[in-house]
Structures are given as structure tokens and as C-alpha cells.
Amino acid sequence: MSDIHPPPKSGSKLALLAQRLRGAGTTLSDLATATGWQAHTIRSAITGLRKRGFRIERTRSETAESSIYRLTTPSQRKRRSK
């Protein structure tokens, strides 16, 4: 059975972050502008989304010097057996 955590609370900055990561994705700079957070806070929030079961890819942009973060499909986390 999969162990997917609930999505971020609607209207929260974490939900805004997840929304911005959908589709083509975005850069840390764009996310900082949208949320008002610093880059290290955004990277931490992305880690939190990953722990909730979201799958997030980081790729290098060919035209820009920064990475593009993009939300893909939720991962299927397996429960550990005892």
C-alpha cells in the first residue's frame, strides 16, 4: 500500500510553491519573488514536499545559469516492514 502524505494546505506558501513547480517548472529566483523567501528556505520547502511524496526534478537550463525545478508525478513511497 502506498504511503502518500497529504498535499499542502490550500492558500499556503507551500501550496503556491507546489503550484509554481507544475508544468515547465521554475527557478529559485522566480520562487523567491513569488514567496518572499530566501533560496535556502525554498530548498528546504522543496525537501519537505519530497518528504510528502512529491517527485521534484532539478535540471540545468540551457539558456540560463540557474537550475529549473519541476514537479513530476507523486512518488510511491513504500512502508517499511517490521
N, C-alpha and C. Protein backbone atom coordinates (compact mmCIF):
# COMPACT_ATOMS: atom_id res chain seq x y z
N MET A 1 0.85 -1.18 0.00
CA MET A 1 0.00 0.00 0.00
C MET A 1 0.89 1.23 0.00
N SER A 2 0.50 2.24 -0.76
CA SER A 2 1.34 3.45 -0.85
C SER A 2 1.12 4.33 0.37
N ASP A 3 2.11 5.12 0.68
CA ASP A 3 2.09 5.98 1.85
C ASP A 3 2.29 7.41 1.38
N ILE A 4 1.30 7.97 0.68
CA ILE A 4 1.38 9.34 0.17
C ILE A 4 0.84 10.29 1.23
N HIS A 5 1.61 11.30 1.51
CA HIS A 5 1.21 12.30 2.50
C HIS A 5 0.25 13.29 1.88
N PRO A 6 -0.53 13.99 2.68
CA PRO A 6 -1.50 14.94 2.15
C PRO A 6 -0.81 16.13 1.46
N PRO A 7 -1.51 16.74 0.50
CA PRO A 7 -0.95 17.91 -0.17
C PRO A 7 -0.89 19.10 0.78
N PRO A 8 -0.13 20.14 0.41
CA PRO A 8 -0.05 21.33 1.27
C PRO A 8 -1.42 21.99 1.43
N LYS A 9 -1.60 22.68 2.52
CA LYS A 9 -2.86 23.37 2.82
C LYS A 9 -3.13 24.44 1.74
N SER A 10 -4.33 24.44 1.21
CA SER A 10 -4.72 25.39 0.17
C SER A 10 -4.52 26.82 0.64
N GLY A 11 -3.92 27.64 -0.21
CA GLY A 11 -3.69 29.05 0.12
C GLY A 11 -2.38 29.32 0.84
N SER A 12 -1.65 28.27 1.22
CA SER A 12 -0.39 28.45 1.92
C SER A 12 0.74 28.73 0.93
N LYS A 13 1.86 29.21 1.44
CA LYS A 13 3.01 29.45 0.56
C LYS A 13 3.56 28.14 0.02
N LEU A 14 3.44 27.06 0.79
CA LEU A 14 3.88 25.75 0.32
C LEU A 14 3.01 25.29 -0.86
N ALA A 15 1.72 25.57 -0.80
CA ALA A 15 0.82 25.25 -1.92
C ALA A 15 1.18 26.11 -3.14
N LEU A 16 1.51 27.37 -2.92
CA LEU A 16 1.95 28.25 -4.01
C LEU A 16 3.22 27.71 -4.64
N LEU A 17 4.15 27.26 -3.81
CA LEU A 17 5.39 26.68 -4.29
C LEU A 17 5.11 25.46 -5.17
N ALA A 18 4.25 24.55 -4.69
CA ALA A 18 3.90 23.35 -5.46
C ALA A 18 3.24 23.74 -6.79
N GLN A 19 2.39 24.75 -6.76
CA GLN A 19 1.72 25.20 -7.99
C GLN A 19 2.73 25.74 -9.00
N ARG A 20 3.69 26.51 -8.53
CA ARG A 20 4.71 27.09 -9.43
C ARG A 20 5.62 26.02 -10.02
N LEU A 21 5.78 24.89 -9.31
CA LEU A 21 6.65 23.83 -9.79
C LEU A 21 5.99 22.96 -10.86
N ARG A 22 4.68 23.08 -11.03
CA ARG A 22 3.98 22.28 -12.04
C ARG A 22 4.30 22.78 -13.45
N GLY A 23 4.04 21.93 -14.43
CA GLY A 23 4.27 22.30 -15.83
C GLY A 23 5.73 22.34 -16.18
N ALA A 24 6.17 23.45 -16.75
CA ALA A 24 7.56 23.59 -17.20
C ALA A 24 8.53 23.80 -16.04
N GLY A 25 8.01 24.12 -14.85
CA GLY A 25 8.87 24.36 -13.71
C GLY A 25 9.31 25.81 -13.61
N THR A 26 10.22 26.09 -12.69
CA THR A 26 10.65 27.46 -12.44
C THR A 26 12.01 27.46 -11.75
N THR A 27 12.58 28.63 -11.60
CA THR A 27 13.88 28.78 -10.96
C THR A 27 13.72 29.20 -9.50
N LEU A 28 14.79 29.08 -8.74
CA LEU A 28 14.77 29.54 -7.35
C LEU A 28 14.49 31.04 -7.28
N SER A 29 15.04 31.78 -8.21
CA SER A 29 14.83 33.23 -8.24
C SER A 29 13.35 33.57 -8.40
N ASP A 30 12.68 32.88 -9.32
CA ASP A 30 11.25 33.12 -9.52
C ASP A 30 10.44 32.72 -8.28
N LEU A 31 10.83 31.61 -7.66
CA LEU A 31 10.14 31.17 -6.45
C LEU A 31 10.36 32.15 -5.30
N ALA A 32 11.56 32.72 -5.22
CA ALA A 32 11.86 33.72 -4.17
C ALA A 32 10.99 34.95 -4.35
N THR A 33 10.80 35.37 -5.59
CA THR A 33 9.95 36.53 -5.87
C THR A 33 8.50 36.24 -5.50
N ALA A 34 8.03 35.04 -5.83
CA ALA A 34 6.63 34.68 -5.57
C ALA A 34 6.33 34.51 -4.09
N THR A 35 7.28 33.96 -3.33
CA THR A 35 7.02 33.66 -1.92
C THR A 35 7.59 34.67 -0.94
N GLY A 36 8.63 35.39 -1.36
CA GLY A 36 9.32 36.29 -0.44
C GLY A 36 10.35 35.58 0.42
N TRP A 37 10.59 34.31 0.11
CA TRP A 37 11.55 33.50 0.86
C TRP A 37 12.94 33.60 0.26
N GLN A 38 13.96 33.30 1.07
CA GLN A 38 15.33 33.20 0.58
C GLN A 38 15.55 31.82 -0.02
N ALA A 39 16.61 31.69 -0.82
CA ALA A 39 16.88 30.45 -1.55
C ALA A 39 16.99 29.24 -0.63
N HIS A 40 17.66 29.39 0.52
CA HIS A 40 17.82 28.23 1.40
C HIS A 40 16.48 27.79 1.99
N THR A 41 15.56 28.71 2.19
CA THR A 41 14.23 28.37 2.69
C THR A 41 13.44 27.62 1.62
N ILE A 42 13.58 28.04 0.38
CA ILE A 42 12.89 27.38 -0.73
C ILE A 42 13.41 25.96 -0.91
N ARG A 43 14.73 25.80 -0.86
CA ARG A 43 15.29 24.45 -0.98
C ARG A 43 14.80 23.55 0.16
N SER A 44 14.68 24.09 1.34
CA SER A 44 14.16 23.33 2.47
C SER A 44 12.69 22.96 2.25
N ALA A 45 11.91 23.88 1.74
CA ALA A 45 10.49 23.60 1.45
C ALA A 45 10.36 22.54 0.37
N ILE A 46 11.24 22.57 -0.63
CA ILE A 46 11.23 21.55 -1.68
C ILE A 46 11.53 20.18 -1.07
N THR A 47 12.46 20.14 -0.13
CA THR A 47 12.75 18.89 0.58
C THR A 47 11.52 18.41 1.33
N GLY A 48 10.80 19.33 1.95
CA GLY A 48 9.56 18.98 2.65
C GLY A 48 8.52 18.40 1.71
N LEU A 49 8.41 18.98 0.50
CA LEU A 49 7.48 18.43 -0.48
C LEU A 49 7.88 17.02 -0.89
N ARG A 50 9.18 16.81 -1.04
CA ARG A 50 9.67 15.47 -1.38
C ARG A 50 9.31 14.47 -0.29
N LYS A 51 9.42 14.88 0.96
CA LYS A 51 9.07 14.00 2.08
C LYS A 51 7.58 13.70 2.10
N ARG A 52 6.77 14.59 1.56
CA ARG A 52 5.32 14.36 1.48
C ARG A 52 4.96 13.43 0.32
N GLY A 53 5.93 13.08 -0.50
CA GLY A 53 5.68 12.16 -1.60
C GLY A 53 5.73 12.78 -2.97
N PHE A 54 5.99 14.09 -3.06
CA PHE A 54 6.09 14.73 -4.36
C PHE A 54 7.44 14.40 -4.99
N ARG A 55 7.45 14.25 -6.28
CA ARG A 55 8.69 14.00 -7.01
C ARG A 55 9.07 15.30 -7.73
N ILE A 56 10.23 15.81 -7.41
CA ILE A 56 10.68 17.09 -7.97
C ILE A 56 12.02 16.88 -8.65
N GLU A 57 12.08 17.28 -9.92
CA GLU A 57 13.32 17.16 -10.69
C GLU A 57 14.04 18.50 -10.70
N ARG A 58 15.35 18.44 -10.71
CA ARG A 58 16.16 19.64 -10.88
C ARG A 58 17.01 19.44 -12.12
N THR A 59 16.87 20.34 -13.08
CA THR A 59 17.66 20.27 -14.31
C THR A 59 18.32 21.60 -14.57
N ARG A 60 19.41 21.54 -15.29
CA ARG A 60 20.12 22.76 -15.69
C ARG A 60 19.46 23.35 -16.92
N SER A 61 19.19 24.63 -16.90
CA SER A 61 18.65 25.32 -18.06
C SER A 61 19.77 25.55 -19.06
N GLU A 62 19.48 25.33 -20.32
CA GLU A 62 20.50 25.54 -21.36
C GLU A 62 20.73 27.02 -21.64
N THR A 63 19.72 27.84 -21.40
CA THR A 63 19.84 29.26 -21.70
C THR A 63 20.19 30.11 -20.48
N ALA A 64 19.84 29.62 -19.30
CA ALA A 64 20.11 30.39 -18.08
C ALA A 64 21.18 29.68 -17.25
N GLU A 65 21.74 30.41 -16.32
CA GLU A 65 22.77 29.83 -15.46
C GLU A 65 22.20 29.13 -14.24
N SER A 66 20.89 29.20 -14.05
CA SER A 66 20.29 28.60 -12.87
C SER A 66 19.56 27.30 -13.20
N SER A 67 19.28 26.54 -12.17
CA SER A 67 18.57 25.27 -12.33
C SER A 67 17.08 25.52 -12.43
N ILE A 68 16.40 24.57 -13.09
CA ILE A 68 14.95 24.59 -13.19
C ILE A 68 14.42 23.47 -12.31
N TYR A 69 13.49 23.81 -11.42
CA TYR A 69 12.85 22.83 -10.56
C TYR A 69 11.46 22.57 -11.11
N ARG A 70 11.10 21.27 -11.22
CA ARG A 70 9.82 20.91 -11.82
C ARG A 70 9.20 19.75 -11.07
N LEU A 71 7.91 19.88 -10.81
CA LEU A 71 7.15 18.83 -10.15
C LEU A 71 6.74 17.80 -11.19
N THR A 72 7.06 16.54 -10.94
CA THR A 72 6.64 15.47 -11.84
C THR A 72 5.49 14.72 -11.17
N THR A 73 5.47 13.42 -11.21
CA THR A 73 4.39 12.67 -10.60
C THR A 73 4.72 12.35 -9.15
N PRO A 74 3.70 12.18 -8.30
CA PRO A 74 4.00 11.80 -6.91
C PRO A 74 4.71 10.46 -6.87
N SER A 75 5.67 10.36 -5.99
CA SER A 75 6.38 9.09 -5.85
C SER A 75 5.53 8.12 -5.03
N GLN A 76 5.78 6.87 -5.21
CA GLN A 76 5.10 5.85 -4.44
C GLN A 76 6.04 5.41 -3.34
N ARG A 77 5.83 5.89 -2.14
CA ARG A 77 6.69 5.55 -1.01
C ARG A 77 6.19 4.25 -0.41
N LYS A 78 7.09 3.34 -0.19
CA LYS A 78 6.74 2.05 0.39
C LYS A 78 6.86 2.10 1.90
N ARG A 79 5.95 1.39 2.56
CA ARG A 79 6.03 1.30 4.01
C ARG A 79 7.09 0.28 4.37
N ARG A 80 7.81 0.57 5.39
CA ARG A 80 8.84 -0.35 5.86
C ARG A 80 8.19 -1.45 6.70
N SER A 81 8.56 -2.65 6.40
CA SER A 81 8.02 -3.76 7.19
C SER A 81 8.88 -3.96 8.43
N LYS A 82 8.27 -4.45 9.48
CA LYS A 82 8.98 -4.66 10.74
C LYS A 82 9.52 -6.05 10.82
